[in-house]
Each structure stands twice: as structure tokens, then as C-alpha cells.
Amino acid sequence: MLRVSSGSKRGFKLKVPLGGSVRPNTSKVRKMIFDILPPVTNLNVLDVFAGSGALGIEALSMAAKYATFIDNNPSSIKCIKANLKKCEFEARSTVIKKDSSIALREFAKQNKKFDLILMDPPYSYFDEKTVNGIIRNALKLLVSDGIVVCEHPRKEKIKIDVKFCRVKEYKDKCITFCWSN
């Protein structure tokens, strides 16, 4: 069972897409992420590979101003919308059904900026260079001093020139935090 861990909607149960295509963050991992981050109050958040929307919804529950959710799976989109409705966050969110790389490129062309970008790609998505490419593309969408958070398999190594990068290992995965220059 997936629940919101913190904030105004703490304890709310969230739906997870059926079929095992989504690997939602546990509440422990989400808590660890938000404990490391500075307060998210009034931030504009982008949740890429959103799945159930748990990361972005957690940020909204903790007073983020707005969240944009991107996923290309129809089941995930339906689930995210249901979770946003249940938490009454529809007015503070947008859900986009699109491939993440296409959406990120379109946002870059539109000069769209975010304070916090949360990414939890499917592990099957990764190869030797993928995590670095994903983070580099996301960094282009950050405001000054914005943060990218990316979950990835332990075997993926981060080689990116950023102001500050912190990698937190957790069981079989890593959570990488990159602050923009």
C-alpha cells in the first residue's frame, strides 16, 4: 500500500498502476529524499517518469506551489489523475502523457523552468550513459540553484559537472541529488 508520507495529505492512500510496470518509491525512500532536500514550499516541481505520481504528490502535500507530471503509460496517467483528484491537487497540477525525452526537449524549447525535478525512471530504461544524459537534460530546465533528484541502479555512475552532487545509496539503488550551477 502506498501512502503520502508527509505534509497536509499525510496518510492518504495512493493508487498504483496495475501490471507491475511501475516501481513506486517506498515511503522510507520518499522520506529520505525530502529530508535531504531543502523545504519545497512554493516550489514549481516536475515529476518525470511519474508512475503513480507519489513523488510530485508528496511535494504538493509539503506545500509545493505547482507540480507537472510526465509519463507515457496510459495506466499511469489514469492513476496520477485519480491520485491528484483524491488529494484535491488538481488545480495545482498538470499531467502530460508523453515520452519524457520529448517532453524535456519541448520544455527546453519553451524555456520552461522548474525549481525541483524528480525523476524515477524504470530501471530497464538505463544503459551506460543514460542516467548522465537524463540529468544533463533536466539541469537545462532548472532555475538558478534548482535541484534534480534521480533514482537509478547502483551500477550507474554519475559524471556530471554541477555545483554540488550528492549520491545516497539505498539497498539496490542510488538517489542522486544535483544542484544546478
N, C-alpha and C. Protein backbone atom coordinates (compact mmCIF):
# COMPACT_ATOMS: atom_id res chain seq x y z
N MET A 1 0.84 -1.18 0.00
CA MET A 1 0.00 0.00 0.00
C MET A 1 0.88 1.24 0.00
N LEU A 2 0.58 2.18 -0.86
CA LEU A 2 1.33 3.42 -1.00
C LEU A 2 0.56 4.54 -0.32
N ARG A 3 1.24 5.26 0.56
CA ARG A 3 0.63 6.37 1.28
C ARG A 3 1.50 7.62 1.17
N VAL A 4 0.87 8.78 1.25
CA VAL A 4 1.60 10.04 1.33
C VAL A 4 2.27 10.06 2.71
N SER A 5 3.55 10.36 2.75
CA SER A 5 4.34 10.27 3.99
C SER A 5 4.32 11.52 4.85
N SER A 6 4.19 12.69 4.23
CA SER A 6 4.34 13.95 4.98
C SER A 6 3.36 15.00 4.48
N GLY A 7 3.27 16.06 5.25
CA GLY A 7 2.52 17.23 4.83
C GLY A 7 1.02 17.14 5.06
N SER A 8 0.29 17.98 4.35
CA SER A 8 -1.15 18.14 4.56
C SER A 8 -1.96 16.89 4.21
N LYS A 9 -1.44 16.04 3.35
CA LYS A 9 -2.16 14.83 2.93
C LYS A 9 -1.52 13.56 3.49
N ARG A 10 -0.76 13.72 4.55
CA ARG A 10 -0.09 12.57 5.17
C ARG A 10 -1.11 11.47 5.47
N GLY A 11 -0.75 10.24 5.09
CA GLY A 11 -1.61 9.10 5.35
C GLY A 11 -2.58 8.77 4.22
N PHE A 12 -2.77 9.70 3.26
CA PHE A 12 -3.67 9.42 2.15
C PHE A 12 -3.14 8.24 1.35
N LYS A 13 -4.03 7.30 1.03
CA LYS A 13 -3.66 6.14 0.22
C LYS A 13 -3.62 6.55 -1.25
N LEU A 14 -2.58 6.12 -1.95
CA LEU A 14 -2.43 6.41 -3.36
C LEU A 14 -2.56 5.13 -4.18
N LYS A 15 -3.20 5.26 -5.34
CA LYS A 15 -3.31 4.14 -6.26
C LYS A 15 -1.98 3.94 -6.97
N VAL A 16 -1.72 2.70 -7.36
CA VAL A 16 -0.53 2.36 -8.14
C VAL A 16 -1.02 1.66 -9.41
N PRO A 17 -0.45 2.01 -10.57
CA PRO A 17 -0.87 1.35 -11.80
C PRO A 17 -0.69 -0.16 -11.70
N LEU A 18 -1.65 -0.88 -12.25
CA LEU A 18 -1.60 -2.34 -12.23
C LEU A 18 -0.63 -2.85 -13.29
N GLY A 19 -0.22 -4.08 -13.13
CA GLY A 19 0.59 -4.73 -14.15
C GLY A 19 2.08 -4.78 -13.84
N GLY A 20 2.51 -4.19 -12.75
CA GLY A 20 3.91 -4.26 -12.37
C GLY A 20 4.85 -3.42 -13.21
N SER A 21 4.32 -2.53 -14.05
CA SER A 21 5.19 -1.69 -14.86
C SER A 21 5.77 -0.52 -14.07
N VAL A 22 5.21 -0.26 -12.90
CA VAL A 22 5.66 0.85 -12.06
C VAL A 22 6.26 0.30 -10.77
N ARG A 23 7.38 0.88 -10.38
CA ARG A 23 8.07 0.51 -9.15
C ARG A 23 8.04 1.74 -8.25
N PRO A 24 6.94 1.93 -7.51
CA PRO A 24 6.82 3.17 -6.72
C PRO A 24 7.83 3.21 -5.58
N ASN A 25 8.27 4.42 -5.27
CA ASN A 25 9.17 4.61 -4.13
C ASN A 25 8.47 4.22 -2.85
N THR A 26 9.19 3.58 -1.96
CA THR A 26 8.63 3.29 -0.64
C THR A 26 8.55 4.60 0.14
N SER A 27 7.75 4.62 1.17
CA SER A 27 7.65 5.83 1.98
C SER A 27 8.99 6.15 2.63
N LYS A 28 9.81 5.13 2.93
CA LYS A 28 11.14 5.38 3.51
C LYS A 28 12.03 6.13 2.52
N VAL A 29 12.00 5.72 1.26
CA VAL A 29 12.82 6.38 0.25
C VAL A 29 12.32 7.81 0.03
N ARG A 30 11.00 7.99 -0.08
CA ARG A 30 10.46 9.34 -0.26
C ARG A 30 10.81 10.23 0.93
N LYS A 31 10.71 9.69 2.13
CA LYS A 31 11.05 10.47 3.33
C LYS A 31 12.52 10.87 3.29
N MET A 32 13.40 9.93 2.93
CA MET A 32 14.82 10.23 2.83
C MET A 32 15.08 11.33 1.81
N ILE A 33 14.42 11.26 0.66
CA ILE A 33 14.59 12.29 -0.37
C ILE A 33 14.20 13.66 0.18
N PHE A 34 13.02 13.75 0.77
CA PHE A 34 12.54 15.05 1.23
C PHE A 34 13.25 15.53 2.50
N ASP A 35 13.86 14.62 3.25
CA ASP A 35 14.68 15.03 4.39
C ASP A 35 15.98 15.68 3.92
N ILE A 36 16.52 15.23 2.79
CA ILE A 36 17.76 15.80 2.26
C ILE A 36 17.50 17.13 1.56
N LEU A 37 16.36 17.24 0.89
CA LEU A 37 16.02 18.48 0.17
C LEU A 37 15.74 19.63 1.14
N PRO A 38 16.02 20.86 0.70
CA PRO A 38 15.54 22.00 1.49
C PRO A 38 14.01 22.02 1.41
N PRO A 39 13.33 22.84 2.22
CA PRO A 39 11.86 22.89 2.15
C PRO A 39 11.37 23.14 0.72
N VAL A 40 10.30 22.46 0.35
CA VAL A 40 9.76 22.58 -1.02
C VAL A 40 8.64 23.61 -1.12
N THR A 41 8.38 24.32 -0.05
CA THR A 41 7.31 25.32 -0.01
C THR A 41 7.44 26.30 -1.18
N ASN A 42 6.35 26.47 -1.92
CA ASN A 42 6.24 27.40 -3.05
C ASN A 42 7.12 27.06 -4.25
N LEU A 43 7.61 25.82 -4.33
CA LEU A 43 8.43 25.44 -5.48
C LEU A 43 7.57 24.94 -6.64
N ASN A 44 8.10 25.12 -7.84
CA ASN A 44 7.49 24.59 -9.05
C ASN A 44 8.22 23.28 -9.34
N VAL A 45 7.47 22.16 -9.30
CA VAL A 45 8.06 20.82 -9.34
C VAL A 45 7.70 20.10 -10.64
N LEU A 46 8.67 19.35 -11.16
CA LEU A 46 8.44 18.49 -12.32
C LEU A 46 8.72 17.06 -11.88
N ASP A 47 7.73 16.17 -12.06
CA ASP A 47 7.86 14.75 -11.73
C ASP A 47 7.89 13.99 -13.05
N VAL A 48 9.09 13.52 -13.44
CA VAL A 48 9.30 12.83 -14.71
C VAL A 48 9.29 11.32 -14.46
N PHE A 49 8.73 10.55 -15.39
CA PHE A 49 8.51 9.11 -15.19
C PHE A 49 7.63 8.96 -13.94
N ALA A 50 6.55 9.69 -13.89
CA ALA A 50 5.78 9.88 -12.66
C ALA A 50 5.14 8.62 -12.09
N GLY A 51 4.80 7.64 -12.91
CA GLY A 51 4.22 6.39 -12.38
C GLY A 51 2.91 6.62 -11.66
N SER A 52 2.93 6.57 -10.35
CA SER A 52 1.73 6.82 -9.54
C SER A 52 1.59 8.30 -9.20
N GLY A 53 2.66 9.06 -9.42
CA GLY A 53 2.67 10.48 -9.05
C GLY A 53 3.08 10.71 -7.61
N ALA A 54 3.53 9.67 -6.92
CA ALA A 54 3.81 9.76 -5.48
C ALA A 54 4.84 10.84 -5.13
N LEU A 55 5.90 10.98 -5.91
CA LEU A 55 6.92 11.99 -5.58
C LEU A 55 6.36 13.41 -5.70
N GLY A 56 5.71 13.70 -6.83
CA GLY A 56 5.14 15.03 -7.01
C GLY A 56 4.02 15.33 -6.02
N ILE A 57 3.21 14.32 -5.72
CA ILE A 57 2.12 14.49 -4.75
C ILE A 57 2.70 14.73 -3.36
N GLU A 58 3.77 14.04 -3.03
CA GLU A 58 4.46 14.27 -1.75
C GLU A 58 4.91 15.73 -1.67
N ALA A 59 5.48 16.25 -2.76
CA ALA A 59 5.92 17.65 -2.79
C ALA A 59 4.73 18.60 -2.63
N LEU A 60 3.63 18.32 -3.32
CA LEU A 60 2.44 19.17 -3.17
C LEU A 60 1.90 19.11 -1.75
N SER A 61 1.93 17.95 -1.15
CA SER A 61 1.48 17.79 0.23
C SER A 61 2.34 18.62 1.19
N MET A 62 3.59 18.84 0.80
CA MET A 62 4.52 19.61 1.63
C MET A 62 4.58 21.07 1.18
N ALA A 63 3.54 21.53 0.50
CA ALA A 63 3.32 22.94 0.14
C ALA A 63 4.08 23.42 -1.09
N ALA A 64 4.48 22.51 -1.98
CA ALA A 64 4.99 22.98 -3.28
C ALA A 64 3.87 23.75 -3.96
N LYS A 65 4.24 24.75 -4.75
CA LYS A 65 3.25 25.61 -5.39
C LYS A 65 2.51 24.88 -6.52
N TYR A 66 3.26 24.15 -7.35
CA TYR A 66 2.68 23.54 -8.54
C TYR A 66 3.52 22.33 -8.93
N ALA A 67 2.89 21.31 -9.51
CA ALA A 67 3.62 20.13 -9.98
C ALA A 67 3.12 19.74 -11.36
N THR A 68 4.09 19.42 -12.21
CA THR A 68 3.81 18.89 -13.54
C THR A 68 4.27 17.44 -13.55
N PHE A 69 3.39 16.55 -14.01
CA PHE A 69 3.67 15.12 -14.04
C PHE A 69 3.80 14.66 -15.48
N ILE A 70 4.86 13.90 -15.79
CA ILE A 70 5.06 13.36 -17.13
C ILE A 70 5.18 11.85 -17.05
N ASP A 71 4.42 11.16 -17.87
CA ASP A 71 4.54 9.72 -18.02
C ASP A 71 3.93 9.37 -19.37
N ASN A 72 4.41 8.29 -20.00
CA ASN A 72 3.84 7.92 -21.30
C ASN A 72 2.93 6.69 -21.22
N ASN A 73 2.76 6.13 -20.03
CA ASN A 73 1.93 4.95 -19.84
C ASN A 73 0.48 5.37 -19.54
N PRO A 74 -0.49 4.96 -20.36
CA PRO A 74 -1.89 5.35 -20.13
C PRO A 74 -2.39 4.94 -18.74
N SER A 75 -1.98 3.79 -18.25
CA SER A 75 -2.39 3.34 -16.92
C SER A 75 -1.84 4.27 -15.83
N SER A 76 -0.61 4.72 -16.02
CA SER A 76 0.00 5.65 -15.06
C SER A 76 -0.72 6.99 -15.09
N ILE A 77 -1.02 7.48 -16.26
CA ILE A 77 -1.72 8.77 -16.40
C ILE A 77 -3.06 8.72 -15.68
N LYS A 78 -3.80 7.65 -15.88
CA LYS A 78 -5.10 7.48 -15.21
C LYS A 78 -4.92 7.46 -13.70
N CYS A 79 -3.92 6.75 -13.24
CA CYS A 79 -3.63 6.62 -11.81
C CYS A 79 -3.22 7.97 -11.20
N ILE A 80 -2.33 8.70 -11.88
CA ILE A 80 -1.88 10.01 -11.39
C ILE A 80 -3.08 10.94 -11.25
N LYS A 81 -3.92 10.98 -12.27
CA LYS A 81 -5.10 11.86 -12.22
C LYS A 81 -6.02 11.49 -11.07
N ALA A 82 -6.22 10.20 -10.85
CA ALA A 82 -7.07 9.75 -9.73
C ALA A 82 -6.46 10.15 -8.39
N ASN A 83 -5.15 10.00 -8.27
CA ASN A 83 -4.48 10.36 -7.01
C ASN A 83 -4.52 11.86 -6.76
N LEU A 84 -4.36 12.65 -7.82
CA LEU A 84 -4.44 14.11 -7.67
C LEU A 84 -5.84 14.54 -7.26
N LYS A 85 -6.84 13.89 -7.85
CA LYS A 85 -8.23 14.21 -7.51
C LYS A 85 -8.49 13.86 -6.05
N LYS A 86 -8.08 12.67 -5.63
CA LYS A 86 -8.30 12.24 -4.24
C LYS A 86 -7.65 13.21 -3.25
N CYS A 87 -6.46 13.69 -3.59
CA CYS A 87 -5.73 14.61 -2.70
C CYS A 87 -6.15 16.07 -2.90
N GLU A 88 -7.05 16.31 -3.84
CA GLU A 88 -7.53 17.66 -4.15
C GLU A 88 -6.41 18.58 -4.62
N PHE A 89 -5.53 18.05 -5.48
CA PHE A 89 -4.41 18.81 -6.02
C PHE A 89 -4.57 19.10 -7.51
N GLU A 90 -5.73 18.87 -8.06
CA GLU A 90 -5.94 19.06 -9.50
C GLU A 90 -5.65 20.49 -9.95
N ALA A 91 -6.01 21.49 -9.15
CA ALA A 91 -5.82 22.89 -9.53
C ALA A 91 -4.35 23.31 -9.46
N ARG A 92 -3.54 22.52 -8.77
CA ARG A 92 -2.12 22.85 -8.61
C ARG A 92 -1.22 21.89 -9.39
N SER A 93 -1.79 21.30 -10.47
CA SER A 93 -1.01 20.31 -11.20
C SER A 93 -1.42 20.21 -12.66
N THR A 94 -0.50 19.66 -13.44
CA THR A 94 -0.74 19.33 -14.85
C THR A 94 -0.20 17.93 -15.08
N VAL A 95 -0.93 17.12 -15.82
CA VAL A 95 -0.50 15.76 -16.15
C VAL A 95 -0.33 15.69 -17.66
N ILE A 96 0.86 15.26 -18.09
CA ILE A 96 1.19 15.20 -19.51
C ILE A 96 1.53 13.77 -19.90
N LYS A 97 0.80 13.25 -20.91
CA LYS A 97 1.09 11.90 -21.42
C LYS A 97 2.02 12.08 -22.61
N LYS A 98 3.31 11.81 -22.36
CA LYS A 98 4.30 12.00 -23.40
C LYS A 98 5.58 11.29 -22.99
N ASP A 99 6.37 10.88 -23.96
CA ASP A 99 7.69 10.33 -23.69
C ASP A 99 8.52 11.42 -22.99
N SER A 100 9.24 11.03 -21.97
CA SER A 100 9.97 12.01 -21.15
C SER A 100 11.00 12.78 -21.95
N SER A 101 11.75 12.13 -22.82
CA SER A 101 12.79 12.84 -23.58
C SER A 101 12.17 13.89 -24.50
N ILE A 102 11.03 13.58 -25.09
CA ILE A 102 10.33 14.54 -25.95
C ILE A 102 9.82 15.71 -25.11
N ALA A 103 9.21 15.40 -23.98
CA ALA A 103 8.67 16.45 -23.11
C ALA A 103 9.78 17.37 -22.60
N LEU A 104 10.90 16.80 -22.20
CA LEU A 104 12.01 17.63 -21.70
C LEU A 104 12.56 18.53 -22.80
N ARG A 105 12.68 18.01 -24.01
CA ARG A 105 13.14 18.84 -25.14
C ARG A 105 12.16 19.97 -25.43
N GLU A 106 10.85 19.66 -25.40
CA GLU A 106 9.84 20.69 -25.65
C GLU A 106 9.89 21.77 -24.56
N PHE A 107 10.03 21.37 -23.31
CA PHE A 107 10.15 22.34 -22.22
C PHE A 107 11.37 23.24 -22.41
N ALA A 108 12.49 22.65 -22.86
CA ALA A 108 13.71 23.43 -23.09
C ALA A 108 13.47 24.47 -24.19
N LYS A 109 12.80 24.06 -25.27
CA LYS A 109 12.49 24.99 -26.37
C LYS A 109 11.59 26.12 -25.90
N GLN A 110 10.68 25.81 -24.97
CA GLN A 110 9.75 26.80 -24.43
C GLN A 110 10.38 27.63 -23.31
N ASN A 111 11.63 27.32 -22.98
CA ASN A 111 12.36 27.97 -21.88
C ASN A 111 11.61 27.84 -20.55
N LYS A 112 10.97 26.71 -20.36
CA LYS A 112 10.23 26.43 -19.13
C LYS A 112 11.23 26.07 -18.03
N LYS A 113 11.01 26.57 -16.82
CA LYS A 113 11.94 26.34 -15.72
C LYS A 113 11.22 25.77 -14.50
N PHE A 114 11.95 24.96 -13.76
CA PHE A 114 11.43 24.32 -12.54
C PHE A 114 12.44 24.49 -11.41
N ASP A 115 11.92 24.51 -10.19
CA ASP A 115 12.78 24.60 -9.01
C ASP A 115 13.31 23.23 -8.61
N LEU A 116 12.48 22.21 -8.81
CA LEU A 116 12.81 20.86 -8.38
C LEU A 116 12.32 19.88 -9.44
N ILE A 117 13.21 18.99 -9.88
CA ILE A 117 12.85 17.97 -10.85
C ILE A 117 13.11 16.61 -10.21
N LEU A 118 12.06 15.81 -10.12
CA LEU A 118 12.11 14.48 -9.52
C LEU A 118 12.00 13.44 -10.63
N MET A 119 12.94 12.50 -10.69
CA MET A 119 12.93 11.51 -11.75
C MET A 119 13.17 10.11 -11.18
N ASP A 120 12.29 9.20 -11.54
CA ASP A 120 12.41 7.80 -11.11
C ASP A 120 12.13 6.91 -12.32
N PRO A 121 13.10 6.87 -13.27
CA PRO A 121 12.88 6.08 -14.49
C PRO A 121 12.84 4.58 -14.21
N PRO A 122 12.16 3.84 -15.08
CA PRO A 122 12.21 2.37 -14.94
C PRO A 122 13.66 1.92 -15.09
N TYR A 123 14.09 0.95 -14.31
CA TYR A 123 15.48 0.50 -14.38
C TYR A 123 15.82 -0.08 -15.74
N SER A 124 14.85 -0.60 -16.46
CA SER A 124 15.10 -1.13 -17.80
C SER A 124 15.47 -0.02 -18.79
N TYR A 125 15.23 1.23 -18.40
CA TYR A 125 15.49 2.39 -19.23
C TYR A 125 16.99 2.70 -19.33
N PHE A 126 17.77 2.22 -18.37
CA PHE A 126 19.16 2.62 -18.25
C PHE A 126 20.12 1.79 -19.07
N ASP A 127 21.17 2.45 -19.54
CA ASP A 127 22.35 1.79 -20.07
C ASP A 127 23.54 2.60 -19.56
N GLU A 128 24.71 2.41 -20.12
CA GLU A 128 25.93 3.04 -19.60
C GLU A 128 25.84 4.57 -19.49
N LYS A 129 25.19 5.23 -20.45
CA LYS A 129 25.21 6.69 -20.49
C LYS A 129 23.89 7.34 -20.14
N THR A 130 22.86 6.57 -19.92
CA THR A 130 21.52 7.13 -19.80
C THR A 130 21.33 8.07 -18.62
N VAL A 131 21.74 7.66 -17.41
CA VAL A 131 21.46 8.49 -16.24
C VAL A 131 22.13 9.85 -16.36
N ASN A 132 23.35 9.90 -16.88
CA ASN A 132 24.02 11.18 -17.06
C ASN A 132 23.30 12.06 -18.08
N GLY A 133 22.82 11.46 -19.17
CA GLY A 133 22.08 12.20 -20.18
C GLY A 133 20.76 12.74 -19.65
N ILE A 134 20.05 11.91 -18.89
CA ILE A 134 18.77 12.33 -18.31
C ILE A 134 18.99 13.53 -17.38
N ILE A 135 19.99 13.42 -16.52
CA ILE A 135 20.25 14.51 -15.56
C ILE A 135 20.72 15.76 -16.29
N ARG A 136 21.58 15.62 -17.30
CA ARG A 136 22.03 16.80 -18.07
C ARG A 136 20.85 17.52 -18.71
N ASN A 137 19.92 16.76 -19.31
CA ASN A 137 18.74 17.38 -19.93
C ASN A 137 17.87 18.07 -18.89
N ALA A 138 17.71 17.45 -17.73
CA ALA A 138 16.90 18.05 -16.67
C ALA A 138 17.55 19.32 -16.13
N LEU A 139 18.88 19.34 -16.02
CA LEU A 139 19.57 20.51 -15.49
C LEU A 139 19.30 21.75 -16.33
N LYS A 140 19.04 21.57 -17.62
CA LYS A 140 18.74 22.70 -18.53
C LYS A 140 17.41 23.36 -18.18
N LEU A 141 16.57 22.64 -17.43
CA LEU A 141 15.23 23.15 -17.11
C LEU A 141 15.15 23.75 -15.70
N LEU A 142 16.28 23.82 -15.02
CA LEU A 142 16.26 24.30 -13.64
C LEU A 142 16.47 25.81 -13.55
N VAL A 143 15.84 26.41 -12.56
CA VAL A 143 16.14 27.79 -12.20
C VAL A 143 17.51 27.77 -11.52
N SER A 144 18.08 28.93 -11.30
CA SER A 144 19.35 29.01 -10.57
C SER A 144 19.17 28.39 -9.19
N ASP A 145 20.09 27.56 -8.79
CA ASP A 145 20.04 26.84 -7.51
C ASP A 145 18.91 25.81 -7.44
N GLY A 146 18.39 25.40 -8.58
CA GLY A 146 17.39 24.34 -8.60
C GLY A 146 18.04 22.99 -8.35
N ILE A 147 17.22 21.97 -8.15
CA ILE A 147 17.73 20.64 -7.80
C ILE A 147 17.06 19.57 -8.67
N VAL A 148 17.90 18.64 -9.15
CA VAL A 148 17.42 17.44 -9.83
C VAL A 148 17.66 16.27 -8.89
N VAL A 149 16.62 15.44 -8.72
CA VAL A 149 16.75 14.21 -7.93
C VAL A 149 16.43 13.06 -8.87
N CYS A 150 17.36 12.10 -8.98
CA CYS A 150 17.17 10.98 -9.89
C CYS A 150 17.49 9.67 -9.18
N GLU A 151 16.53 8.75 -9.21
CA GLU A 151 16.78 7.41 -8.70
C GLU A 151 17.31 6.57 -9.85
N HIS A 152 18.32 5.75 -9.55
CA HIS A 152 18.91 4.91 -10.60
C HIS A 152 19.57 3.69 -9.97
N PRO A 153 19.84 2.67 -10.80
CA PRO A 153 20.51 1.48 -10.27
C PRO A 153 21.90 1.83 -9.74
N ARG A 154 22.36 1.10 -8.75
CA ARG A 154 23.67 1.34 -8.15
C ARG A 154 24.80 1.32 -9.16
N LYS A 155 24.69 0.48 -10.18
CA LYS A 155 25.80 0.33 -11.13
C LYS A 155 26.01 1.58 -11.99
N GLU A 156 25.01 2.44 -12.10
CA GLU A 156 25.16 3.66 -12.88
C GLU A 156 25.99 4.68 -12.11
N LYS A 157 27.03 5.21 -12.74
CA LYS A 157 27.90 6.20 -12.10
C LYS A 157 27.61 7.58 -12.68
N ILE A 158 27.61 8.58 -11.81
CA ILE A 158 27.32 9.94 -12.22
C ILE A 158 28.62 10.67 -12.56
N LYS A 159 28.66 11.26 -13.77
CA LYS A 159 29.83 12.01 -14.23
C LYS A 159 29.31 13.31 -14.84
N ILE A 160 28.91 14.24 -13.99
CA ILE A 160 28.30 15.48 -14.46
C ILE A 160 28.97 16.65 -13.75
N ASP A 161 29.20 17.73 -14.50
CA ASP A 161 29.80 18.93 -13.93
C ASP A 161 28.68 19.81 -13.37
N VAL A 162 28.49 19.76 -12.08
CA VAL A 162 27.47 20.57 -11.41
C VAL A 162 28.07 21.20 -10.16
N LYS A 163 27.36 22.17 -9.63
CA LYS A 163 27.79 22.88 -8.43
C LYS A 163 27.99 21.91 -7.27
N PHE A 164 27.04 21.02 -7.10
CA PHE A 164 27.11 20.07 -6.00
C PHE A 164 26.30 18.85 -6.37
N CYS A 165 26.85 17.69 -6.09
CA CYS A 165 26.15 16.45 -6.37
C CYS A 165 26.32 15.54 -5.17
N ARG A 166 25.23 14.96 -4.72
CA ARG A 166 25.27 14.03 -3.60
C ARG A 166 24.58 12.75 -4.03
N VAL A 167 25.23 11.63 -3.78
CA VAL A 167 24.66 10.33 -4.11
C VAL A 167 24.39 9.59 -2.81
N LYS A 168 23.16 9.21 -2.61
CA LYS A 168 22.75 8.47 -1.42
C LYS A 168 22.43 7.04 -1.85
N GLU A 169 23.18 6.08 -1.32
CA GLU A 169 22.93 4.68 -1.65
C GLU A 169 21.86 4.13 -0.73
N TYR A 170 20.98 3.32 -1.31
CA TYR A 170 19.88 2.74 -0.56
C TYR A 170 19.59 1.35 -1.13
N LYS A 171 20.00 0.34 -0.41
CA LYS A 171 19.83 -1.06 -0.85
C LYS A 171 20.38 -1.24 -2.26
N ASP A 172 19.51 -1.53 -3.24
CA ASP A 172 19.95 -1.81 -4.61
C ASP A 172 19.92 -0.60 -5.52
N LYS A 173 19.73 0.59 -4.96
CA LYS A 173 19.58 1.78 -5.79
C LYS A 173 20.37 2.94 -5.23
N CYS A 174 20.48 3.96 -6.04
CA CYS A 174 21.09 5.22 -5.61
C CYS A 174 20.10 6.33 -5.90
N ILE A 175 20.12 7.33 -5.05
CA ILE A 175 19.36 8.55 -5.30
C ILE A 175 20.41 9.64 -5.44
N THR A 176 20.45 10.27 -6.62
CA THR A 176 21.42 11.31 -6.88
C THR A 176 20.73 12.67 -6.84
N PHE A 177 21.34 13.59 -6.10
CA PHE A 177 20.84 14.96 -5.97
C PHE A 177 21.87 15.86 -6.67
N CYS A 178 21.44 16.65 -7.65
CA CYS A 178 22.32 17.56 -8.35
C CYS A 178 21.77 18.97 -8.26
N TRP A 179 22.58 19.87 -7.74
CA TRP A 179 22.21 21.27 -7.66
C TRP A 179 22.78 21.97 -8.88
N SER A 180 21.98 22.81 -9.53
CA SER A 180 22.43 23.48 -10.76
C SER A 180 23.50 24.52 -10.43
N ASN A 181 24.25 24.88 -11.46
CA ASN A 181 25.31 25.88 -11.32
C ASN A 181 24.74 27.27 -11.20
